[in-house]
Amino acid sequence: MNDAPEFQPYGLPHLTVILLTIVLPFVLAGIVRRTKSQPLEKMIIGVLSVVLILNYIVYLVFIRSRGVVDWRQMLPMQMCDWGMAVVIVAMWTGSQRWFEVAYFWGIGGTLQAVLTPNLRFGFPDWRFISFFTSHCGIIVGVVFLMLIRGYRPYPISIVRVWLWSEFYFVVTFVVDGLTGFNYGFLLHKPEAFSILSFLSDSRPLYLLQMHGVALLFFLALYAPFAVVDLVRRKELVGRFCETPFQK
């Protein structure tokens, strides 16, 4: 008998999680900027990393204790698993390249999971807490890096992350074929409603459309930076044109 409460999309617990995900990185970044403390920044990065890793380990222990003992169901092959690893590496290395992957995977993939979660269990069930800890933790880490270190994507970032995404796709496609489990939702659509629900029921076309959706997400995530760059470029051109010619 399962007494776990049912997840209610955009109920109070879900909305609270979304609000905390938005507010928390700004609060943490504000504290670091106000104190100008590098040790504090490192401590926040350490805490975020430990929370993400421990949450993942505890989740594996939990599902094993519930009888989910098949190793094929416990592989770190979801996009969010890879996103978690990438954002931790980006936070500790300070690498722009790793940040790019964390940004597009973390915001593009994980944000969708937060807004339209493939989740049956509501708060305060552990699966609710674990799900949002992992997904929201990734977003918090990415936004924190943007606010503290000024990281941002560039046009070439889309190309690099697209290649990384294709690598993930190929590996996951093979793993799904070998295990029969729906990692990355490459075998079929998720049960919960999401943007993937609008795609074709034909698997070859569905996989092709997934690539198109991913590219649209990448372009949409880069669009704000493209607009800012365009405005700044126009301002610079305007200032140059207003400058009187000097011999």
C-alpha atoms as a PDB file:
ATOM      1  CA  MET A   1       0.000   0.000   0.000  1.00  0.00           C
ATOM      2  CA  ASN A   2       1.375   3.386  -0.999  1.00  0.00           C
ATOM      3  CA  ASP A   3       0.358   6.239   1.301  1.00  0.00           C
ATOM      4  CA  ALA A   4       2.532   8.827  -0.438  1.00  0.00           C
ATOM      5  CA  PRO A   5       0.625  11.997  -1.379  1.00  0.00           C
ATOM      6  CA  GLU A   6       0.025  12.533  -5.069  1.00  0.00           C
ATOM      7  CA  PHE A   7       1.982  15.282  -6.784  1.00  0.00           C
ATOM      8  CA  GLN A   8      -0.142  18.275  -7.733  1.00  0.00           C
ATOM      9  CA  PRO A   9       1.360  20.381 -10.546  1.00  0.00           C
ATOM     10  CA  TYR A  10       1.550  24.020  -9.485  1.00  0.00           C
ATOM     11  CA  GLY A  11       0.157  23.288  -6.068  1.00  0.00           C
ATOM     12  CA  LEU A  12       1.602  25.178  -3.105  1.00  0.00           C
ATOM     13  CA  PRO A  13       4.648  22.871  -2.610  1.00  0.00           C
ATOM     14  CA  HIS A  14       5.492  22.995  -6.323  1.00  0.00           C
ATOM     15  CA  LEU A  15       5.136  26.791  -6.503  1.00  0.00           C
ATOM     16  CA  THR A  16       7.242  27.144  -3.348  1.00  0.00           C
ATOM     17  CA  VAL A  17      10.013  25.091  -4.934  1.00  0.00           C
ATOM     18  CA  ILE A  18       9.915  27.224  -8.090  1.00  0.00           C
ATOM     19  CA  LEU A  19      10.075  30.431  -6.027  1.00  0.00           C
ATOM     20  CA  LEU A  20      13.023  29.163  -3.971  1.00  0.00           C
ATOM     21  CA  THR A  21      14.843  28.149  -7.147  1.00  0.00           C
ATOM     22  CA  ILE A  22      14.500  31.697  -8.463  1.00  0.00           C
ATOM     23  CA  VAL A  23      15.345  33.506  -5.234  1.00  0.00           C
ATOM     24  CA  LEU A  24      18.109  31.362  -3.718  1.00  0.00           C
ATOM     25  CA  PRO A  25      20.941  32.012  -6.229  1.00  0.00           C
ATOM     26  CA  PHE A  26      20.341  35.769  -6.024  1.00  0.00           C
ATOM     27  CA  VAL A  27      20.403  35.660  -2.221  1.00  0.00           C
ATOM     28  CA  LEU A  28      23.607  33.607  -2.167  1.00  0.00           C
ATOM     29  CA  ALA A  29      25.268  35.801  -4.788  1.00  0.00           C
ATOM     30  CA  GLY A  30      24.173  38.929  -2.919  1.00  0.00           C
ATOM     31  CA  ILE A  31      25.755  37.675   0.304  1.00  0.00           C
ATOM     32  CA  VAL A  32      29.029  36.862  -1.457  1.00  0.00           C
ATOM     33  CA  ARG A  33      29.135  40.230  -3.215  1.00  0.00           C
ATOM     34  CA  ARG A  34      28.322  42.097  -0.036  1.00  0.00           C
ATOM     35  CA  THR A  35      30.997  40.346   2.002  1.00  0.00           C
ATOM     36  CA  LYS A  36      33.478  40.081  -0.909  1.00  0.00           C
ATOM     37  CA  SER A  37      34.568  36.831   0.688  1.00  0.00           C
ATOM     38  CA  GLN A  38      36.176  34.245  -1.561  1.00  0.00           C
ATOM     39  CA  PRO A  39      36.183  31.618   1.228  1.00  0.00           C
ATOM     40  CA  LEU A  40      32.429  32.130   1.552  1.00  0.00           C
ATOM     41  CA  GLU A  41      32.022  31.642  -2.189  1.00  0.00           C
ATOM     42  CA  LYS A  42      34.009  28.406  -1.959  1.00  0.00           C
ATOM     43  CA  MET A  43      31.921  27.294   1.000  1.00  0.00           C
ATOM     44  CA  ILE A  44      28.673  27.873  -0.924  1.00  0.00           C
ATOM     45  CA  ILE A  45      30.053  25.938  -3.890  1.00  0.00           C
ATOM     46  CA  GLY A  46      31.099  23.164  -1.524  1.00  0.00           C
ATOM     47  CA  VAL A  47      27.690  23.003   0.133  1.00  0.00           C
ATOM     48  CA  LEU A  48      25.873  22.944  -3.221  1.00  0.00           C
ATOM     49  CA  SER A  49      28.174  20.177  -4.461  1.00  0.00           C
ATOM     50  CA  VAL A  50      27.780  18.073  -1.320  1.00  0.00           C
ATOM     51  CA  VAL A  51      23.998  18.476  -1.337  1.00  0.00           C
ATOM     52  CA  LEU A  52      23.778  17.362  -4.972  1.00  0.00           C
ATOM     53  CA  ILE A  53      26.070  14.368  -4.493  1.00  0.00           C
ATOM     54  CA  LEU A  54      24.578  13.224  -1.183  1.00  0.00           C
ATOM     55  CA  ASN A  55      21.067  13.608  -2.538  1.00  0.00           C
ATOM     56  CA  TYR A  56      21.957  11.373  -5.472  1.00  0.00           C
ATOM     57  CA  ILE A  57      23.560   8.728  -3.246  1.00  0.00           C
ATOM     58  CA  VAL A  58      20.675   8.741  -0.765  1.00  0.00           C
ATOM     59  CA  TYR A  59      18.223   8.428  -3.647  1.00  0.00           C
ATOM     60  CA  LEU A  60      20.007   5.310  -4.903  1.00  0.00           C
ATOM     61  CA  VAL A  61      19.977   3.829  -1.392  1.00  0.00           C
ATOM     62  CA  PHE A  62      16.286   4.671  -1.070  1.00  0.00           C
ATOM     63  CA  ILE A  63      15.161   3.034  -4.302  1.00  0.00           C
ATOM     64  CA  ARG A  64      17.282  -0.016  -3.530  1.00  0.00           C
ATOM     65  CA  SER A  65      15.652  -0.318  -0.103  1.00  0.00           C
ATOM     66  CA  ARG A  66      12.260  -0.168  -1.830  1.00  0.00           C
ATOM     67  CA  GLY A  67      13.100  -3.176  -3.959  1.00  0.00           C
ATOM     68  CA  VAL A  68      14.354  -1.420  -7.079  1.00  0.00           C
ATOM     69  CA  VAL A  69      17.478  -3.539  -7.185  1.00  0.00           C
ATOM     70  CA  ASP A  70      17.969  -3.962 -10.921  1.00  0.00           C
ATOM     71  CA  TRP A  71      21.213  -2.188 -11.761  1.00  0.00           C
ATOM     72  CA  ARG A  72      19.746  -1.162 -15.100  1.00  0.00           C
ATOM     73  CA  GLN A  73      17.377   1.187 -13.280  1.00  0.00           C
ATOM     74  CA  MET A  74      20.152   2.839 -11.288  1.00  0.00           C
ATOM     75  CA  LEU A  75      22.500   4.063 -13.997  1.00  0.00           C
ATOM     76  CA  PRO A  76      23.404   7.786 -14.061  1.00  0.00           C
ATOM     77  CA  MET A  77      22.082   8.199 -17.577  1.00  0.00           C
ATOM     78  CA  GLN A  78      19.411  10.863 -17.258  1.00  0.00           C
ATOM     79  CA  MET A  79      20.297  14.259 -18.691  1.00  0.00           C
ATOM     80  CA  CYS A  80      19.973  15.735 -15.207  1.00  0.00           C
ATOM     81  CA  ASP A  81      22.548  13.243 -13.885  1.00  0.00           C
ATOM     82  CA  TRP A  82      25.038  14.485 -16.443  1.00  0.00           C
ATOM     83  CA  GLY A  83      23.976  18.068 -15.801  1.00  0.00           C
ATOM     84  CA  MET A  84      24.654  17.628 -12.094  1.00  0.00           C
ATOM     85  CA  ALA A  85      28.179  16.375 -12.770  1.00  0.00           C
ATOM     86  CA  VAL A  86      28.867  19.191 -15.219  1.00  0.00           C
ATOM     87  CA  VAL A  87      27.673  21.996 -12.937  1.00  0.00           C
ATOM     88  CA  ILE A  88      29.811  20.653 -10.081  1.00  0.00           C
ATOM     89  CA  VAL A  89      32.857  20.558 -12.360  1.00  0.00           C
ATOM     90  CA  ALA A  90      32.069  24.071 -13.619  1.00  0.00           C
ATOM     91  CA  MET A  91      31.769  25.456 -10.082  1.00  0.00           C
ATOM     92  CA  TRP A  92      35.078  23.983  -8.930  1.00  0.00           C
ATOM     93  CA  THR A  93      37.176  24.522 -12.055  1.00  0.00           C
ATOM     94  CA  GLY A  94      35.841  27.944 -13.003  1.00  0.00           C
ATOM     95  CA  SER A  95      35.926  26.813 -16.629  1.00  0.00           C
ATOM     96  CA  GLN A  96      33.910  28.815 -19.157  1.00  0.00           C
ATOM     97  CA  ARG A  97      33.652  25.723 -21.371  1.00  0.00           C
ATOM     98  CA  TRP A  98      32.132  23.617 -18.597  1.00  0.00           C
ATOM     99  CA  PHE A  99      29.848  26.484 -17.652  1.00  0.00           C
ATOM    100  CA  GLU A 100      28.488  26.557 -21.204  1.00  0.00           C
ATOM    101  CA  VAL A 101      27.451  22.927 -20.987  1.00  0.00           C
ATOM    102  CA  ALA A 102      26.039  23.443 -17.497  1.00  0.00           C
ATOM    103  CA  TYR A 103      24.055  26.465 -18.682  1.00  0.00           C
ATOM    104  CA  PHE A 104      22.377  24.882 -21.692  1.00  0.00           C
ATOM    105  CA  TRP A 105      21.854  21.496 -20.058  1.00  0.00           C
ATOM    106  CA  GLY A 106      21.030  22.871 -16.626  1.00  0.00           C
ATOM    107  CA  ILE A 107      18.633  25.595 -17.696  1.00  0.00           C
ATOM    108  CA  GLY A 108      17.379  24.025 -20.925  1.00  0.00           C
ATOM    109  CA  GLY A 109      16.819  20.496 -19.674  1.00  0.00           C
ATOM    110  CA  THR A 110      16.473  20.815 -15.932  1.00  0.00           C
ATOM    111  CA  LEU A 111      14.184  23.849 -15.990  1.00  0.00           C
ATOM    112  CA  GLN A 112      11.673  21.893 -18.041  1.00  0.00           C
ATOM    113  CA  ALA A 113      11.817  19.113 -15.443  1.00  0.00           C
ATOM    114  CA  VAL A 114      11.129  21.621 -12.666  1.00  0.00           C
ATOM    115  CA  LEU A 115       8.190  23.215 -14.471  1.00  0.00           C
ATOM    116  CA  THR A 116       6.671  19.975 -15.798  1.00  0.00           C
ATOM    117  CA  PRO A 117       8.099  17.238 -13.556  1.00  0.00           C
ATOM    118  CA  ASN A 118       7.718  13.574 -14.423  1.00  0.00           C
ATOM    119  CA  LEU A 119       6.790  12.879 -10.804  1.00  0.00           C
ATOM    120  CA  ARG A 120       3.925  11.069  -9.083  1.00  0.00           C
ATOM    121  CA  PHE A 121       4.734  11.777  -5.443  1.00  0.00           C
ATOM    122  CA  GLY A 122       3.958  15.001  -3.630  1.00  0.00           C
ATOM    123  CA  PHE A 123       5.445  16.759  -0.621  1.00  0.00           C
ATOM    124  CA  PRO A 124       6.623  15.639   1.937  1.00  0.00           C
ATOM    125  CA  ASP A 125       7.448  12.318   0.268  1.00  0.00           C
ATOM    126  CA  TRP A 126      11.202  11.780  -0.035  1.00  0.00           C
ATOM    127  CA  ARG A 127      10.949  11.310  -3.788  1.00  0.00           C
ATOM    128  CA  PHE A 128       9.486  14.797  -4.118  1.00  0.00           C
ATOM    129  CA  ILE A 129      12.278  16.277  -2.011  1.00  0.00           C
ATOM    130  CA  SER A 130      15.016  14.342  -3.807  1.00  0.00           C
ATOM    131  CA  PHE A 131      13.680  15.145  -7.273  1.00  0.00           C
ATOM    132  CA  PHE A 132      13.565  18.882  -6.723  1.00  0.00           C
ATOM    133  CA  THR A 133      16.792  18.975  -4.717  1.00  0.00           C
ATOM    134  CA  SER A 134      18.701  17.547  -7.673  1.00  0.00           C
ATOM    135  CA  HIS A 135      16.983  19.522 -10.421  1.00  0.00           C
ATOM    136  CA  CYS A 136      16.718  22.844  -8.616  1.00  0.00           C
ATOM    137  CA  GLY A 137      20.235  22.484  -7.219  1.00  0.00           C
ATOM    138  CA  ILE A 138      21.598  22.399 -10.765  1.00  0.00           C
ATOM    139  CA  ILE A 139      19.758  25.592 -11.704  1.00  0.00           C
ATOM    140  CA  VAL A 140      20.877  27.344  -8.513  1.00  0.00           C
ATOM    141  CA  GLY A 141      24.495  26.405  -9.251  1.00  0.00           C
ATOM    142  CA  VAL A 142      24.343  27.678 -12.836  1.00  0.00           C
ATOM    143  CA  VAL A 143      22.697  31.001 -11.960  1.00  0.00           C
ATOM    144  CA  PHE A 144      25.063  31.481  -9.012  1.00  0.00           C
ATOM    145  CA  LEU A 145      28.045  31.161 -11.370  1.00  0.00           C
ATOM    146  CA  MET A 146      26.523  33.682 -13.762  1.00  0.00           C
ATOM    147  CA  LEU A 147      25.943  36.213 -11.000  1.00  0.00           C
ATOM    148  CA  ILE A 148      29.262  35.805  -9.197  1.00  0.00           C
ATOM    149  CA  ARG A 149      31.710  35.192 -12.027  1.00  0.00           C
ATOM    150  CA  GLY A 150      29.923  36.889 -14.889  1.00  0.00           C
ATOM    151  CA  TYR A 151      29.860  33.779 -17.047  1.00  0.00           C
ATOM    152  CA  ARG A 152      27.680  33.820 -20.147  1.00  0.00           C
ATOM    153  CA  PRO A 153      27.277  31.824 -23.353  1.00  0.00           C
ATOM    154  CA  TYR A 154      28.520  32.921 -26.782  1.00  0.00           C
ATOM    155  CA  PRO A 155      27.455  31.877 -30.297  1.00  0.00           C
ATOM    156  CA  ILE A 156      30.197  29.244 -30.461  1.00  0.00           C
ATOM    157  CA  SER A 157      28.876  27.873 -27.161  1.00  0.00           C
ATOM    158  CA  ILE A 158      25.802  26.564 -28.967  1.00  0.00           C
ATOM    159  CA  VAL A 159      27.994  24.551 -31.335  1.00  0.00           C
ATOM    160  CA  ARG A 160      30.132  23.110 -28.552  1.00  0.00           C
ATOM    161  CA  VAL A 161      27.175  22.172 -26.356  1.00  0.00           C
ATOM    162  CA  TRP A 162      25.331  20.718 -29.343  1.00  0.00           C
ATOM    163  CA  LEU A 163      28.267  18.358 -29.910  1.00  0.00           C
ATOM    164  CA  TRP A 164      28.271  17.379 -26.227  1.00  0.00           C
ATOM    165  CA  SER A 165      24.524  16.807 -26.466  1.00  0.00           C
ATOM    166  CA  GLU A 166      24.982  14.540 -29.466  1.00  0.00           C
ATOM    167  CA  PHE A 167      27.543  12.575 -27.475  1.00  0.00           C
ATOM    168  CA  TYR A 168      25.001  12.186 -24.669  1.00  0.00           C
ATOM    169  CA  PHE A 169      22.344  11.178 -27.194  1.00  0.00           C
ATOM    170  CA  VAL A 170      24.483   8.445 -28.757  1.00  0.00           C
ATOM    171  CA  VAL A 171      25.607   7.008 -25.410  1.00  0.00           C
ATOM    172  CA  THR A 172      22.091   7.072 -23.976  1.00  0.00           C
ATOM    173  CA  PHE A 173      20.583   5.624 -27.152  1.00  0.00           C
ATOM    174  CA  VAL A 174      22.918   2.643 -26.843  1.00  0.00           C
ATOM    175  CA  VAL A 175      22.277   2.251 -23.098  1.00  0.00           C
ATOM    176  CA  ASP A 176      18.507   2.374 -23.638  1.00  0.00           C
ATOM    177  CA  GLY A 177      18.796  -0.303 -26.293  1.00  0.00           C
ATOM    178  CA  LEU A 178      20.855  -2.554 -24.025  1.00  0.00           C
ATOM    179  CA  THR A 179      18.840  -2.063 -20.837  1.00  0.00           C
ATOM    180  CA  GLY A 180      15.341  -1.410 -22.143  1.00  0.00           C
ATOM    181  CA  PHE A 181      14.953   1.565 -19.802  1.00  0.00           C
ATOM    182  CA  ASN A 182      13.827   4.987 -20.949  1.00  0.00           C
ATOM    183  CA  TYR A 183      16.845   7.121 -20.070  1.00  0.00           C
ATOM    184  CA  GLY A 184      16.676  10.562 -21.619  1.00  0.00           C
ATOM    185  CA  PHE A 185      13.131   9.702 -22.768  1.00  0.00           C
ATOM    186  CA  LEU A 186      14.635   8.305 -25.950  1.00  0.00           C
ATOM    187  CA  LEU A 187      12.437   5.198 -26.005  1.00  0.00           C
ATOM    188  CA  HIS A 188       9.156   7.020 -25.508  1.00  0.00           C
ATOM    189  CA  LYS A 189       7.637  10.204 -24.115  1.00  0.00           C
ATOM    190  CA  PRO A 190       7.521  10.811 -20.361  1.00  0.00           C
ATOM    191  CA  GLU A 191       4.293   9.958 -18.558  1.00  0.00           C
ATOM    192  CA  ALA A 192       3.859  13.499 -17.263  1.00  0.00           C
ATOM    193  CA  PHE A 193       2.792  16.246 -19.632  1.00  0.00           C
ATOM    194  CA  SER A 194       5.691  18.216 -21.075  1.00  0.00           C
ATOM    195  CA  ILE A 195       6.775  19.802 -24.324  1.00  0.00           C
ATOM    196  CA  LEU A 196       7.703  16.296 -25.509  1.00  0.00           C
ATOM    197  CA  SER A 197       4.013  15.397 -25.359  1.00  0.00           C
ATOM    198  CA  PHE A 198       3.492  17.418 -28.542  1.00  0.00           C
ATOM    199  CA  LEU A 199       5.994  15.363 -30.524  1.00  0.00           C
ATOM    200  CA  SER A 200       5.255  12.470 -32.864  1.00  0.00           C
ATOM    201  CA  ASP A 201       4.327   8.986 -31.667  1.00  0.00           C
ATOM    202  CA  SER A 202       6.586   7.549 -34.360  1.00  0.00           C
ATOM    203  CA  ARG A 203       9.910   6.930 -32.620  1.00  0.00           C
ATOM    204  CA  PRO A 204      12.247   7.842 -35.524  1.00  0.00           C
ATOM    205  CA  LEU A 205      10.370  11.096 -36.085  1.00  0.00           C
ATOM    206  CA  TYR A 206      10.119  11.652 -32.326  1.00  0.00           C
ATOM    207  CA  LEU A 207      13.903  11.421 -31.937  1.00  0.00           C
ATOM    208  CA  LEU A 208      14.427  13.771 -34.863  1.00  0.00           C
ATOM    209  CA  GLN A 209      11.972  16.250 -33.388  1.00  0.00           C
ATOM    210  CA  MET A 210      13.771  16.043 -30.036  1.00  0.00           C
ATOM    211  CA  HIS A 211      16.871  17.363 -31.773  1.00  0.00           C
ATOM    212  CA  GLY A 212      14.848  20.238 -33.165  1.00  0.00           C
ATOM    213  CA  VAL A 213      13.381  21.046 -29.760  1.00  0.00           C
ATOM    214  CA  ALA A 214      16.850  20.984 -28.199  1.00  0.00           C
ATOM    215  CA  LEU A 215      18.169  23.400 -30.823  1.00  0.00           C
ATOM    216  CA  LEU A 216      15.215  25.735 -30.274  1.00  0.00           C
ATOM    217  CA  PHE A 217      15.878  25.664 -26.535  1.00  0.00           C
ATOM    218  CA  PHE A 218      19.550  26.477 -27.106  1.00  0.00           C
ATOM    219  CA  LEU A 219      18.681  29.398 -29.371  1.00  0.00           C
ATOM    220  CA  ALA A 220      16.067  30.669 -26.920  1.00  0.00           C
ATOM    221  CA  LEU A 221      18.542  30.470 -24.036  1.00  0.00           C
ATOM    222  CA  TYR A 222      21.126  32.412 -26.013  1.00  0.00           C
ATOM    223  CA  ALA A 223      18.619  34.988 -27.332  1.00  0.00           C
ATOM    224  CA  PRO A 224      18.748  37.360 -24.295  1.00  0.00           C
ATOM    225  CA  PHE A 225      22.526  37.615 -24.599  1.00  0.00           C
ATOM    226  CA  ALA A 226      22.259  38.173 -28.353  1.00  0.00           C
ATOM    227  CA  VAL A 227      19.822  41.038 -27.747  1.00  0.00           C
ATOM    228  CA  VAL A 228      22.118  42.610 -25.140  1.00  0.00           C
ATOM    229  CA  ASP A 229      25.099  42.332 -27.498  1.00  0.00           C
ATOM    230  CA  LEU A 230      23.096  43.904 -30.320  1.00  0.00           C
ATOM    231  CA  VAL A 231      21.987  46.831 -28.150  1.00  0.00           C
ATOM    232  CA  ARG A 232      25.531  47.436 -26.923  1.00  0.00           C
ATOM    233  CA  ARG A 233      26.869  47.286 -30.469  1.00  0.00           C
ATOM    234  CA  LYS A 234      24.335  49.870 -31.606  1.00  0.00           C
ATOM    235  CA  GLU A 235      25.248  52.110 -28.673  1.00  0.00           C
ATOM    236  CA  LEU A 236      28.933  51.893 -29.565  1.00  0.00           C
ATOM    237  CA  VAL A 237      28.221  52.679 -33.213  1.00  0.00           C
ATOM    238  CA  GLY A 238      26.045  55.605 -32.151  1.00  0.00           C
ATOM    239  CA  ARG A 239      28.773  57.027 -29.927  1.00  0.00           C
ATOM    240  CA  PHE A 240      31.337  56.621 -32.684  1.00  0.00           C
ATOM    241  CA  CYS A 241      29.120  58.445 -35.174  1.00  0.00           C
ATOM    242  CA  GLU A 242      28.498  61.273 -32.713  1.00  0.00           C
ATOM    243  CA  THR A 243      32.218  61.783 -32.091  1.00  0.00           C
ATOM    244  CA  PRO A 244      33.411  64.823 -34.097  1.00  0.00           C
ATOM    245  CA  PHE A 245      36.035  64.096 -36.711  1.00  0.00           C
ATOM    246  CA  GLN A 246      39.446  65.148 -35.559  1.00  0.00           C
ATOM    247  CA  LYS A 247      42.494  65.607 -37.733  1.00  0.00           C
END
